[in-house]
Structures are given as C-alpha cells and as structure tokens.
Amino acid sequence: MSERVEHERSFYNESSGASRYRQLRRLIWRAIGEFNRQGELYRLFDPAAKAVLQYGCGAGIGVESLLSRGALHVTGIDISDEEIERARRAAERGGYAEKTSFVAADAHHTE
C-alpha cells in the first residue's frame, strides 16, 4: 500500500499532477455533467456545533461551507502537501483559518 500512497502523493504534489486532475474533471463534467459528491453530505449531515474531519480535503473545497453551516472546527487531511498548503492559504484568504487545521497525512495510517 505504501508504494501506491507515495505515487498518489507525488502526483498531487506536482503542480502539473493537480492541474491534470482538474483538467480531467472538467472534461468529464462537460461530457456527463458535474458530479457533486457533496450532495448527500449536505442533505444528510448537519455540521452545526460539531468538530468535523474532512478526509481527502484537497485544497479545502467544502470547508467554508461546513463552517457557514455551523461547524465549530474543521480538520482536513489529504495525502498531498501541496493541496494542504492550498487549503491553508484558502482558509487565510477566507478569514476562517482559526477554525481549521490541515494535515498532510496518509489516511491509512493516522495518529
């Protein structure tokens, strides 16, 4: 498993890897429509007054929404150091950094 994890980390840490991923998603969305993997989360989960762990947070997409819906704190983990840095910068720009923590980690081996 560690070889696969390292391959994934390398892919997302390379700016071209993350860029290729986003390009591929845009092509898929154009072909079949945007896939909203957050739909059930928004319908079925109420984050109000909760500390939330966002697994595979990437660049922090969805964190601001969780906080605006009442989450007390959001901790995001992702395999990519680069995506975690993007998430931190987004939280700083958005003014919600004090309510977030972002950690580069392998979800298969958390502390």
C-alpha atoms as a PDB file:
ATOM      1  CA  MET A   1       0.000   0.000   0.000  1.00  0.00           C
ATOM      2  CA  SER A   2       2.817   2.445   0.725  1.00  0.00           C
ATOM      3  CA  GLU A   3       4.015   2.440  -2.900  1.00  0.00           C
ATOM      4  CA  ARG A   4       0.517   3.394  -4.065  1.00  0.00           C
ATOM      5  CA  VAL A   5       0.253   6.093  -1.397  1.00  0.00           C
ATOM      6  CA  GLU A   6       3.611   7.546  -2.394  1.00  0.00           C
ATOM      7  CA  HIS A   7       2.585   7.525  -6.061  1.00  0.00           C
ATOM      8  CA  GLU A   8      -0.619   9.417  -5.202  1.00  0.00           C
ATOM      9  CA  ARG A   9       1.270  11.888  -3.013  1.00  0.00           C
ATOM     10  CA  SER A  10       3.772  12.563  -5.789  1.00  0.00           C
ATOM     11  CA  PHE A  11       1.013  13.037  -8.369  1.00  0.00           C
ATOM     12  CA  TYR A  12      -0.809  15.683  -6.311  1.00  0.00           C
ATOM     13  CA  ASN A  13       2.380  17.351  -5.065  1.00  0.00           C
ATOM     14  CA  GLU A  14       3.469  18.033  -8.628  1.00  0.00           C
ATOM     15  CA  SER A  15       1.677  21.161  -9.725  1.00  0.00           C
ATOM     16  CA  SER A  16       1.195  19.544 -13.129  1.00  0.00           C
ATOM     17  CA  GLY A  17      -0.417  16.494 -11.467  1.00  0.00           C
ATOM     18  CA  ALA A  18      -3.013  18.554  -9.653  1.00  0.00           C
ATOM     19  CA  SER A  19      -3.552  20.588 -12.793  1.00  0.00           C
ATOM     20  CA  ARG A  20      -4.025  17.441 -14.904  1.00  0.00           C
ATOM     21  CA  TYR A  21      -6.527  16.137 -12.360  1.00  0.00           C
ATOM     22  CA  ARG A  22      -8.559  19.350 -12.529  1.00  0.00           C
ATOM     23  CA  GLN A  23      -8.438  19.320 -16.342  1.00  0.00           C
ATOM     24  CA  LEU A  24      -9.659  15.728 -16.421  1.00  0.00           C
ATOM     25  CA  ARG A  25     -12.533  16.530 -14.052  1.00  0.00           C
ATOM     26  CA  ARG A  26     -13.582  19.466 -16.246  1.00  0.00           C
ATOM     27  CA  LEU A  27     -13.607  17.209 -19.322  1.00  0.00           C
ATOM     28  CA  ILE A  28     -15.712  14.605 -17.523  1.00  0.00           C
ATOM     29  CA  TRP A  29     -18.122  17.293 -16.308  1.00  0.00           C
ATOM     30  CA  ARG A  30     -18.501  18.605 -19.858  1.00  0.00           C
ATOM     31  CA  ALA A  31     -19.220  15.118 -21.142  1.00  0.00           C
ATOM     32  CA  ILE A  32     -21.653  13.840 -18.488  1.00  0.00           C
ATOM     33  CA  GLY A  33     -22.372  16.773 -16.207  1.00  0.00           C
ATOM     34  CA  GLU A  34     -20.794  17.860 -12.970  1.00  0.00           C
ATOM     35  CA  PHE A  35     -20.599  15.175 -10.311  1.00  0.00           C
ATOM     36  CA  ASN A  36     -21.467  16.553  -6.906  1.00  0.00           C
ATOM     37  CA  ARG A  37     -20.029  14.162  -4.371  1.00  0.00           C
ATOM     38  CA  GLN A  38     -21.036  16.517  -1.587  1.00  0.00           C
ATOM     39  CA  GLY A  39     -24.781  16.243  -2.262  1.00  0.00           C
ATOM     40  CA  GLU A  40     -25.530  13.568   0.332  1.00  0.00           C
ATOM     41  CA  LEU A  41     -23.244  15.256   2.817  1.00  0.00           C
ATOM     42  CA  TYR A  42     -25.261  18.463   2.562  1.00  0.00           C
ATOM     43  CA  ARG A  43     -28.609  16.676   2.679  1.00  0.00           C
ATOM     44  CA  LEU A  44     -27.864  14.174   5.440  1.00  0.00           C
ATOM     45  CA  PHE A  45     -25.235  15.741   7.678  1.00  0.00           C
ATOM     46  CA  ASP A  46     -25.760  18.720   9.945  1.00  0.00           C
ATOM     47  CA  PRO A  47     -22.340  20.074  10.978  1.00  0.00           C
ATOM     48  CA  ALA A  48     -23.786  22.597  13.455  1.00  0.00           C
ATOM     49  CA  ALA A  49     -21.916  22.612  16.771  1.00  0.00           C
ATOM     50  CA  LYS A  50     -19.604  19.776  15.653  1.00  0.00           C
ATOM     51  CA  ALA A  51     -15.906  19.330  15.031  1.00  0.00           C
ATOM     52  CA  VAL A  52     -15.638  17.873  11.528  1.00  0.00           C
ATOM     53  CA  LEU A  53     -12.926  15.729   9.954  1.00  0.00           C
ATOM     54  CA  GLN A  54     -12.745  16.074   6.186  1.00  0.00           C
ATOM     55  CA  TYR A  55     -10.897  13.102   4.702  1.00  0.00           C
ATOM     56  CA  GLY A  56      -9.280  13.848   1.328  1.00  0.00           C
ATOM     57  CA  CYS A  57      -9.832  17.575   1.715  1.00  0.00           C
ATOM     58  CA  GLY A  58      -7.619  18.536  -1.227  1.00  0.00           C
ATOM     59  CA  ALA A  59      -7.414  22.298  -1.465  1.00  0.00           C
ATOM     60  CA  GLY A  60     -10.088  22.729   1.200  1.00  0.00           C
ATOM     61  CA  ILE A  61     -13.124  22.765  -1.054  1.00  0.00           C
ATOM     62  CA  GLY A  62     -16.216  22.479   1.115  1.00  0.00           C
ATOM     63  CA  VAL A  63     -14.583  23.645   4.337  1.00  0.00           C
ATOM     64  CA  GLU A  64     -16.039  27.144   4.163  1.00  0.00           C
ATOM     65  CA  SER A  65     -19.491  25.662   3.566  1.00  0.00           C
ATOM     66  CA  LEU A  66     -19.198  23.388   6.613  1.00  0.00           C
ATOM     67  CA  LEU A  67     -18.222  26.359   8.767  1.00  0.00           C
ATOM     68  CA  SER A  68     -21.011  28.535   7.385  1.00  0.00           C
ATOM     69  CA  ARG A  69     -23.449  25.749   8.278  1.00  0.00           C
ATOM     70  CA  GLY A  70     -22.308  25.871  11.903  1.00  0.00           C
ATOM     71  CA  ALA A  71     -19.295  23.558  12.253  1.00  0.00           C
ATOM     72  CA  LEU A  72     -17.166  24.662  15.180  1.00  0.00           C
ATOM     73  CA  HIS A  73     -13.915  23.461  13.628  1.00  0.00           C
ATOM     74  CA  VAL A  74     -12.886  21.566  10.503  1.00  0.00           C
ATOM     75  CA  THR A  75      -9.763  19.424  10.324  1.00  0.00           C
ATOM     76  CA  GLY A  76      -8.824  18.430   6.801  1.00  0.00           C
ATOM     77  CA  ILE A  77      -6.414  15.637   5.914  1.00  0.00           C
ATOM     78  CA  ASP A  78      -5.006  14.918   2.496  1.00  0.00           C
ATOM     79  CA  ILE A  79      -2.112  12.921   1.110  1.00  0.00           C
ATOM     80  CA  SER A  80      -0.706  15.925  -0.748  1.00  0.00           C
ATOM     81  CA  ASP A  81       1.480  18.512   0.964  1.00  0.00           C
ATOM     82  CA  GLU A  82       0.755  20.923  -1.898  1.00  0.00           C
ATOM     83  CA  GLU A  83      -3.021  20.564  -1.620  1.00  0.00           C
ATOM     84  CA  ILE A  84      -2.780  21.082   2.150  1.00  0.00           C
ATOM     85  CA  GLU A  85      -0.868  24.325   1.537  1.00  0.00           C
ATOM     86  CA  ARG A  86      -3.583  25.436  -0.890  1.00  0.00           C
ATOM     87  CA  ALA A  87      -6.212  24.677   1.766  1.00  0.00           C
ATOM     88  CA  ARG A  88      -4.313  26.693   4.368  1.00  0.00           C
ATOM     89  CA  ARG A  89      -3.971  29.656   2.002  1.00  0.00           C
ATOM     90  CA  ALA A  90      -7.689  29.479   1.152  1.00  0.00           C
ATOM     91  CA  ALA A  91      -8.565  29.500   4.861  1.00  0.00           C
ATOM     92  CA  GLU A  92      -6.314  32.522   5.417  1.00  0.00           C
ATOM     93  CA  ARG A  93      -7.824  34.391   2.454  1.00  0.00           C
ATOM     94  CA  GLY A  94     -11.338  33.446   3.554  1.00  0.00           C
ATOM     95  CA  GLY A  95     -10.789  34.584   7.134  1.00  0.00           C
ATOM     96  CA  TYR A  96     -11.558  31.233   8.751  1.00  0.00           C
ATOM     97  CA  ALA A  97      -8.050  29.888   9.406  1.00  0.00           C
ATOM     98  CA  GLU A  98      -8.556  29.936  13.191  1.00  0.00           C
ATOM     99  CA  LYS A  99     -11.411  27.438  12.798  1.00  0.00           C
ATOM    100  CA  THR A 100      -9.420  24.997  10.665  1.00  0.00           C
ATOM    101  CA  SER A 101      -6.487  22.612  10.805  1.00  0.00           C
ATOM    102  CA  PHE A 102      -4.975  20.957   7.748  1.00  0.00           C
ATOM    103  CA  VAL A 103      -2.655  17.965   7.933  1.00  0.00           C
ATOM    104  CA  ALA A 104      -0.743  16.157   5.205  1.00  0.00           C
ATOM    105  CA  ALA A 105      -1.281  12.540   6.163  1.00  0.00           C
ATOM    106  CA  ASP A 106      -1.895   9.041   4.836  1.00  0.00           C
ATOM    107  CA  ALA A 107      -5.447   8.226   5.908  1.00  0.00           C
ATOM    108  CA  HIS A 108      -4.476   4.558   6.132  1.00  0.00           C
ATOM    109  CA  HIS A 109      -2.015   5.356   8.916  1.00  0.00           C
ATOM    110  CA  THR A 110      -3.249   8.226  11.081  1.00  0.00           C
ATOM    111  CA  GLU A 111      -2.105   9.018  14.577  1.00  0.00           C
END
